[in-house]
Amino acid sequence: INQVISSAMQLAIQQHLIAQNPTDGYALPKTEHREMQTLIADQLAAFLLEAKHSGVFEMYYIELATGLRRGELLGLKWEDIDFVNQTLRIRRQVGRINGEVREAPLKTKNAYRTISIGADAVGILREKKKQDGGCSEYVFPSPTGGPMSPDSVLKMLHRVLERAGLPELHFHDLRHTFATLALQNGVDLKT
């Protein structure tokens, strides 16, 4: 906000509408950085058990096995999964654009990638595909078969955490949990 107003005031100075920029010299408030939170092993077990009872196990298991961003997870389509080579292709994201839930391109060219997944994740996805019976092209669809709202996923996450008696987390904290688990299991930092 300060940058936008300051830029507007600079333009007003250049156009000789005002003599000086009233935003000069004002100190901006310090931003508080929230500490990253992750689920530890006991919490993870409780979380996944409650996710199973709540009918959202597959989605959160794949999130914890891949560390995808929320929009990337929701943008997964069955065509993106290579069951033989055990990989996922990340080629789109789902977000809310002008109030409408829809697909969008990824933010950077490096975000387009193929990642390996383990045999457990492949088995879970294979079983989910069989249960879904081709009702949607999306791996994790909305009840109408289209892309799921990112807001819905967050509400589900909070509901699962509350029912499991766990502290409230942001969806991105699941990505941090994945990274922490990967590091603990010997995956190098760059990967």
C-alpha atoms as a PDB file:
ATOM      1  CA  ILE A   1       0.000   0.000   0.000  1.00  0.00           C
ATOM      2  CA  ASN A   2       2.828   2.341   0.918  1.00  0.00           C
ATOM      3  CA  GLN A   3       4.581   1.696  -2.396  1.00  0.00           C
ATOM      4  CA  VAL A   4       1.464   2.414  -4.437  1.00  0.00           C
ATOM      5  CA  ILE A   5       0.657   5.632  -2.564  1.00  0.00           C
ATOM      6  CA  SER A   6       4.297   6.746  -2.639  1.00  0.00           C
ATOM      7  CA  SER A   7       4.455   6.164  -6.403  1.00  0.00           C
ATOM      8  CA  ALA A   8       1.264   8.162  -6.883  1.00  0.00           C
ATOM      9  CA  MET A   9       2.691  11.002  -4.782  1.00  0.00           C
ATOM     10  CA  GLN A  10       5.932  10.972  -6.819  1.00  0.00           C
ATOM     11  CA  LEU A  11       3.859  11.334  -9.987  1.00  0.00           C
ATOM     12  CA  ALA A  12       1.947  14.220  -8.376  1.00  0.00           C
ATOM     13  CA  ILE A  13       5.284  15.931  -7.612  1.00  0.00           C
ATOM     14  CA  GLN A  14       6.429  15.459 -11.231  1.00  0.00           C
ATOM     15  CA  GLN A  15       3.162  16.964 -12.444  1.00  0.00           C
ATOM     16  CA  HIS A  16       3.629  19.919 -10.038  1.00  0.00           C
ATOM     17  CA  LEU A  17       0.428  19.092  -8.155  1.00  0.00           C
ATOM     18  CA  ILE A  18       2.177  18.871  -4.763  1.00  0.00           C
ATOM     19  CA  ALA A  19       5.511  20.134  -3.474  1.00  0.00           C
ATOM     20  CA  GLN A  20       6.662  17.109  -1.496  1.00  0.00           C
ATOM     21  CA  ASN A  21       5.821  13.462  -1.014  1.00  0.00           C
ATOM     22  CA  PRO A  22       3.840  13.080   2.236  1.00  0.00           C
ATOM     23  CA  THR A  23       4.835   9.403   2.479  1.00  0.00           C
ATOM     24  CA  ASP A  24       8.556  10.212   2.773  1.00  0.00           C
ATOM     25  CA  GLY A  25      10.006   9.509   6.191  1.00  0.00           C
ATOM     26  CA  TYR A  26       7.244   7.268   7.474  1.00  0.00           C
ATOM     27  CA  ALA A  27       8.411   4.032   9.043  1.00  0.00           C
ATOM     28  CA  LEU A  28       6.563   0.950   7.916  1.00  0.00           C
ATOM     29  CA  PRO A  29       5.360  -1.475  10.580  1.00  0.00           C
ATOM     30  CA  LYS A  30       7.488  -4.563  11.045  1.00  0.00           C
ATOM     31  CA  THR A  31       5.973  -7.679   9.520  1.00  0.00           C
ATOM     32  CA  GLU A  32       5.678 -10.611  11.835  1.00  0.00           C
ATOM     33  CA  HIS A  33       7.006 -13.827  10.396  1.00  0.00           C
ATOM     34  CA  ARG A  34       5.100 -16.858  11.546  1.00  0.00           C
ATOM     35  CA  GLU A  35       7.316 -19.760  12.467  1.00  0.00           C
ATOM     36  CA  MET A  36       7.002 -22.784  10.231  1.00  0.00           C
ATOM     37  CA  GLN A  37       5.033 -25.625  11.796  1.00  0.00           C
ATOM     38  CA  THR A  38       5.300 -29.303  10.960  1.00  0.00           C
ATOM     39  CA  LEU A  39       3.634 -32.472  12.142  1.00  0.00           C
ATOM     40  CA  ILE A  40       5.832 -34.865  14.120  1.00  0.00           C
ATOM     41  CA  ALA A  41       5.513 -38.648  13.735  1.00  0.00           C
ATOM     42  CA  ASP A  42       2.789 -39.161  16.397  1.00  0.00           C
ATOM     43  CA  GLN A  43       0.803 -36.209  15.079  1.00  0.00           C
ATOM     44  CA  LEU A  44       1.199 -37.434  11.516  1.00  0.00           C
ATOM     45  CA  ALA A  45      -0.252 -40.826  12.425  1.00  0.00           C
ATOM     46  CA  ALA A  46      -3.231 -39.192  14.179  1.00  0.00           C
ATOM     47  CA  PHE A  47      -3.725 -36.805  11.250  1.00  0.00           C
ATOM     48  CA  LEU A  48      -3.759 -39.567   8.629  1.00  0.00           C
ATOM     49  CA  LEU A  49      -6.049 -41.757  10.734  1.00  0.00           C
ATOM     50  CA  GLU A  50      -8.571 -38.921  11.069  1.00  0.00           C
ATOM     51  CA  ALA A  51      -8.187 -38.080   7.362  1.00  0.00           C
ATOM     52  CA  LYS A  52      -9.132 -41.690   6.606  1.00  0.00           C
ATOM     53  CA  HIS A  53     -12.221 -41.450   8.846  1.00  0.00           C
ATOM     54  CA  SER A  54     -13.148 -38.146   7.165  1.00  0.00           C
ATOM     55  CA  GLY A  55     -12.831 -39.546   3.622  1.00  0.00           C
ATOM     56  CA  VAL A  56      -9.913 -37.322   2.569  1.00  0.00           C
ATOM     57  CA  PHE A  57      -7.007 -39.670   3.266  1.00  0.00           C
ATOM     58  CA  GLU A  58      -5.825 -40.000  -0.336  1.00  0.00           C
ATOM     59  CA  MET A  59      -5.546 -36.270  -0.911  1.00  0.00           C
ATOM     60  CA  TYR A  60      -3.583 -35.556   2.256  1.00  0.00           C
ATOM     61  CA  TYR A  61      -1.422 -38.663   1.860  1.00  0.00           C
ATOM     62  CA  ILE A  62      -0.401 -37.555  -1.644  1.00  0.00           C
ATOM     63  CA  GLU A  63       0.270 -34.054  -0.307  1.00  0.00           C
ATOM     64  CA  LEU A  64       2.517 -35.401   2.442  1.00  0.00           C
ATOM     65  CA  ALA A  65       4.239 -37.760  -0.022  1.00  0.00           C
ATOM     66  CA  THR A  66       4.956 -35.045  -2.620  1.00  0.00           C
ATOM     67  CA  GLY A  67       4.991 -31.632  -0.943  1.00  0.00           C
ATOM     68  CA  LEU A  68       2.949 -30.082  -3.748  1.00  0.00           C
ATOM     69  CA  ARG A  69       1.497 -26.604  -3.401  1.00  0.00           C
ATOM     70  CA  ARG A  70      -2.252 -26.606  -2.755  1.00  0.00           C
ATOM     71  CA  GLY A  71      -3.139 -25.390  -6.264  1.00  0.00           C
ATOM     72  CA  GLU A  72      -0.815 -27.947  -7.854  1.00  0.00           C
ATOM     73  CA  LEU A  73      -2.395 -30.784  -5.881  1.00  0.00           C
ATOM     74  CA  LEU A  74      -5.878 -29.699  -6.953  1.00  0.00           C
ATOM     75  CA  GLY A  75      -4.734 -29.321 -10.566  1.00  0.00           C
ATOM     76  CA  LEU A  76      -3.626 -32.962 -10.832  1.00  0.00           C
ATOM     77  CA  LYS A  77      -5.451 -34.915 -13.506  1.00  0.00           C
ATOM     78  CA  TRP A  78      -5.333 -38.649 -14.090  1.00  0.00           C
ATOM     79  CA  GLU A  79      -3.432 -38.029 -17.331  1.00  0.00           C
ATOM     80  CA  ASP A  80      -0.604 -36.540 -15.216  1.00  0.00           C
ATOM     81  CA  ILE A  81       0.039 -39.805 -13.381  1.00  0.00           C
ATOM     82  CA  ASP A  82       2.409 -42.382 -14.825  1.00  0.00           C
ATOM     83  CA  PHE A  83       1.637 -45.494 -12.796  1.00  0.00           C
ATOM     84  CA  VAL A  84       4.364 -47.554 -14.501  1.00  0.00           C
ATOM     85  CA  ASN A  85       7.225 -45.109 -13.932  1.00  0.00           C
ATOM     86  CA  GLN A  86       5.771 -43.912 -10.598  1.00  0.00           C
ATOM     87  CA  THR A  87       5.771 -40.203 -11.470  1.00  0.00           C
ATOM     88  CA  LEU A  88       3.478 -37.188 -11.362  1.00  0.00           C
ATOM     89  CA  ARG A  89       3.666 -34.387 -13.920  1.00  0.00           C
ATOM     90  CA  ILE A  90       2.884 -30.975 -12.478  1.00  0.00           C
ATOM     91  CA  ARG A  91       1.406 -28.977 -15.366  1.00  0.00           C
ATOM     92  CA  ARG A  92      -1.286 -26.704 -13.922  1.00  0.00           C
ATOM     93  CA  GLN A  93      -2.730 -25.304 -10.754  1.00  0.00           C
ATOM     94  CA  VAL A  94      -6.252 -24.612  -9.592  1.00  0.00           C
ATOM     95  CA  GLY A  95      -7.082 -21.317  -7.966  1.00  0.00           C
ATOM     96  CA  ARG A  96      -9.834 -18.827  -7.413  1.00  0.00           C
ATOM     97  CA  ILE A  97      -9.713 -16.256 -10.218  1.00  0.00           C
ATOM     98  CA  ASN A  98     -12.253 -13.415 -10.133  1.00  0.00           C
ATOM     99  CA  GLY A  99     -14.331 -15.461  -7.689  1.00  0.00           C
ATOM    100  CA  GLU A 100     -14.389 -18.523  -9.938  1.00  0.00           C
ATOM    101  CA  VAL A 101     -12.502 -21.778  -9.260  1.00  0.00           C
ATOM    102  CA  ARG A 102     -10.542 -22.654 -12.377  1.00  0.00           C
ATOM    103  CA  GLU A 103      -7.302 -23.897 -13.833  1.00  0.00           C
ATOM    104  CA  ALA A 104      -4.374 -21.560 -14.253  1.00  0.00           C
ATOM    105  CA  PRO A 105      -0.848 -21.929 -15.568  1.00  0.00           C
ATOM    106  CA  LEU A 106       1.934 -22.386 -13.046  1.00  0.00           C
ATOM    107  CA  LYS A 107       3.736 -19.239 -11.921  1.00  0.00           C
ATOM    108  CA  THR A 108       7.220 -20.024 -13.254  1.00  0.00           C
ATOM    109  CA  LYS A 109       8.699 -22.297 -15.897  1.00  0.00           C
ATOM    110  CA  ASN A 110      10.577 -24.229 -13.182  1.00  0.00           C
ATOM    111  CA  ALA A 111       7.247 -25.073 -11.536  1.00  0.00           C
ATOM    112  CA  TYR A 112       6.491 -27.373 -14.500  1.00  0.00           C
ATOM    113  CA  ARG A 113       8.120 -30.592 -13.431  1.00  0.00           C
ATOM    114  CA  THR A 114       7.891 -34.348 -13.091  1.00  0.00           C
ATOM    115  CA  ILE A 115       8.359 -35.843  -9.637  1.00  0.00           C
ATOM    116  CA  SER A 116       8.852 -39.403  -8.463  1.00  0.00           C
ATOM    117  CA  ILE A 117       6.406 -40.975  -6.069  1.00  0.00           C
ATOM    118  CA  GLY A 118       6.757 -44.158  -4.064  1.00  0.00           C
ATOM    119  CA  ALA A 119       5.001 -47.448  -4.531  1.00  0.00           C
ATOM    120  CA  ASP A 120       2.632 -46.721  -1.611  1.00  0.00           C
ATOM    121  CA  ALA A 121       1.476 -43.477  -3.244  1.00  0.00           C
ATOM    122  CA  VAL A 122       1.032 -45.260  -6.582  1.00  0.00           C
ATOM    123  CA  GLY A 123      -1.070 -47.944  -4.879  1.00  0.00           C
ATOM    124  CA  ILE A 124      -3.242 -45.357  -3.159  1.00  0.00           C
ATOM    125  CA  LEU A 125      -3.782 -43.463  -6.433  1.00  0.00           C
ATOM    126  CA  ARG A 126      -4.497 -46.686  -8.350  1.00  0.00           C
ATOM    127  CA  GLU A 127      -7.152 -47.669  -5.762  1.00  0.00           C
ATOM    128  CA  LYS A 128      -8.663 -44.156  -5.817  1.00  0.00           C
ATOM    129  CA  LYS A 129      -8.920 -44.235  -9.600  1.00  0.00           C
ATOM    130  CA  LYS A 130     -10.699 -47.595  -9.411  1.00  0.00           C
ATOM    131  CA  GLN A 131     -13.138 -46.293  -6.760  1.00  0.00           C
ATOM    132  CA  ASP A 132     -13.849 -43.065  -8.658  1.00  0.00           C
ATOM    133  CA  GLY A 133     -14.654 -45.009 -11.816  1.00  0.00           C
ATOM    134  CA  GLY A 134     -13.705 -42.245 -14.248  1.00  0.00           C
ATOM    135  CA  CYS A 135     -16.229 -39.735 -12.890  1.00  0.00           C
ATOM    136  CA  SER A 136     -13.772 -36.854 -13.307  1.00  0.00           C
ATOM    137  CA  GLU A 137     -10.541 -36.026 -15.073  1.00  0.00           C
ATOM    138  CA  TYR A 138      -9.277 -34.539 -11.787  1.00  0.00           C
ATOM    139  CA  VAL A 139      -7.610 -36.753  -9.212  1.00  0.00           C
ATOM    140  CA  PHE A 140      -9.212 -34.726  -6.387  1.00  0.00           C
ATOM    141  CA  PRO A 141     -12.406 -33.268  -7.882  1.00  0.00           C
ATOM    142  CA  SER A 142     -15.211 -31.221  -6.402  1.00  0.00           C
ATOM    143  CA  PRO A 143     -18.525 -33.039  -5.833  1.00  0.00           C
ATOM    144  CA  THR A 144     -19.615 -31.856  -9.306  1.00  0.00           C
ATOM    145  CA  GLY A 145     -16.510 -33.361 -10.948  1.00  0.00           C
ATOM    146  CA  GLY A 146     -14.780 -30.060 -11.712  1.00  0.00           C
ATOM    147  CA  PRO A 147     -11.797 -28.583  -9.941  1.00  0.00           C
ATOM    148  CA  MET A 148     -12.037 -28.460  -6.147  1.00  0.00           C
ATOM    149  CA  SER A 149     -11.974 -25.095  -4.425  1.00  0.00           C
ATOM    150  CA  PRO A 150      -8.719 -24.327  -2.573  1.00  0.00           C
ATOM    151  CA  ASP A 151     -10.895 -22.938   0.238  1.00  0.00           C
ATOM    152  CA  SER A 152     -12.647 -26.306   0.621  1.00  0.00           C
ATOM    153  CA  VAL A 153      -9.318 -28.093   1.027  1.00  0.00           C
ATOM    154  CA  LEU A 154      -8.308 -25.663   3.757  1.00  0.00           C
ATOM    155  CA  LYS A 155     -11.629 -26.120   5.592  1.00  0.00           C
ATOM    156  CA  MET A 156     -11.213 -29.898   5.364  1.00  0.00           C
ATOM    157  CA  LEU A 157      -7.672 -29.608   6.725  1.00  0.00           C
ATOM    158  CA  HIS A 158      -8.846 -27.576   9.721  1.00  0.00           C
ATOM    159  CA  ARG A 159     -11.691 -30.020  10.364  1.00  0.00           C
ATOM    160  CA  VAL A 160      -9.332 -33.040  10.275  1.00  0.00           C
ATOM    161  CA  LEU A 161      -6.791 -31.331  12.545  1.00  0.00           C
ATOM    162  CA  GLU A 162      -9.486 -30.359  15.050  1.00  0.00           C
ATOM    163  CA  ARG A 163     -11.010 -33.848  15.124  1.00  0.00           C
ATOM    164  CA  ALA A 164      -7.537 -35.366  15.573  1.00  0.00           C
ATOM    165  CA  GLY A 165      -6.838 -32.991  18.485  1.00  0.00           C
ATOM    166  CA  LEU A 166      -3.934 -31.365  16.663  1.00  0.00           C
ATOM    167  CA  PRO A 167      -2.915 -27.709  16.506  1.00  0.00           C
ATOM    168  CA  GLU A 168      -4.188 -25.596  13.625  1.00  0.00           C
ATOM    169  CA  LEU A 169      -1.856 -25.521  10.610  1.00  0.00           C
ATOM    170  CA  HIS A 170      -1.782 -23.720   7.304  1.00  0.00           C
ATOM    171  CA  PHE A 171      -1.909 -25.906   4.206  1.00  0.00           C
ATOM    172  CA  HIS A 172       1.655 -24.835   3.368  1.00  0.00           C
ATOM    173  CA  ASP A 173       2.764 -26.391   6.683  1.00  0.00           C
ATOM    174  CA  LEU A 174       2.040 -29.802   5.119  1.00  0.00           C
ATOM    175  CA  ARG A 175       4.611 -28.897   2.450  1.00  0.00           C
ATOM    176  CA  HIS A 176       7.068 -28.068   5.245  1.00  0.00           C
ATOM    177  CA  THR A 177       6.231 -31.396   6.905  1.00  0.00           C
ATOM    178  CA  PHE A 178       7.066 -33.189   3.639  1.00  0.00           C
ATOM    179  CA  ALA A 179      10.386 -31.326   3.360  1.00  0.00           C
ATOM    180  CA  THR A 180      11.284 -32.056   6.987  1.00  0.00           C
ATOM    181  CA  LEU A 181      10.497 -35.768   6.579  1.00  0.00           C
ATOM    182  CA  ALA A 182      12.493 -35.912   3.337  1.00  0.00           C
ATOM    183  CA  LEU A 183      15.538 -34.329   5.015  1.00  0.00           C
ATOM    184  CA  GLN A 184      15.237 -36.691   7.984  1.00  0.00           C
ATOM    185  CA  ASN A 185      15.235 -39.616   5.550  1.00  0.00           C
ATOM    186  CA  GLY A 186      18.418 -38.594   3.776  1.00  0.00           C
ATOM    187  CA  VAL A 187      17.134 -36.590   0.808  1.00  0.00           C
ATOM    188  CA  ASP A 188      19.604 -33.818   0.040  1.00  0.00           C
ATOM    189  CA  LEU A 189      18.582 -30.199   0.649  1.00  0.00           C
ATOM    190  CA  LYS A 190      18.666 -29.118  -3.018  1.00  0.00           C
ATOM    191  CA  THR A 191      16.278 -31.927  -4.033  1.00  0.00           C
END
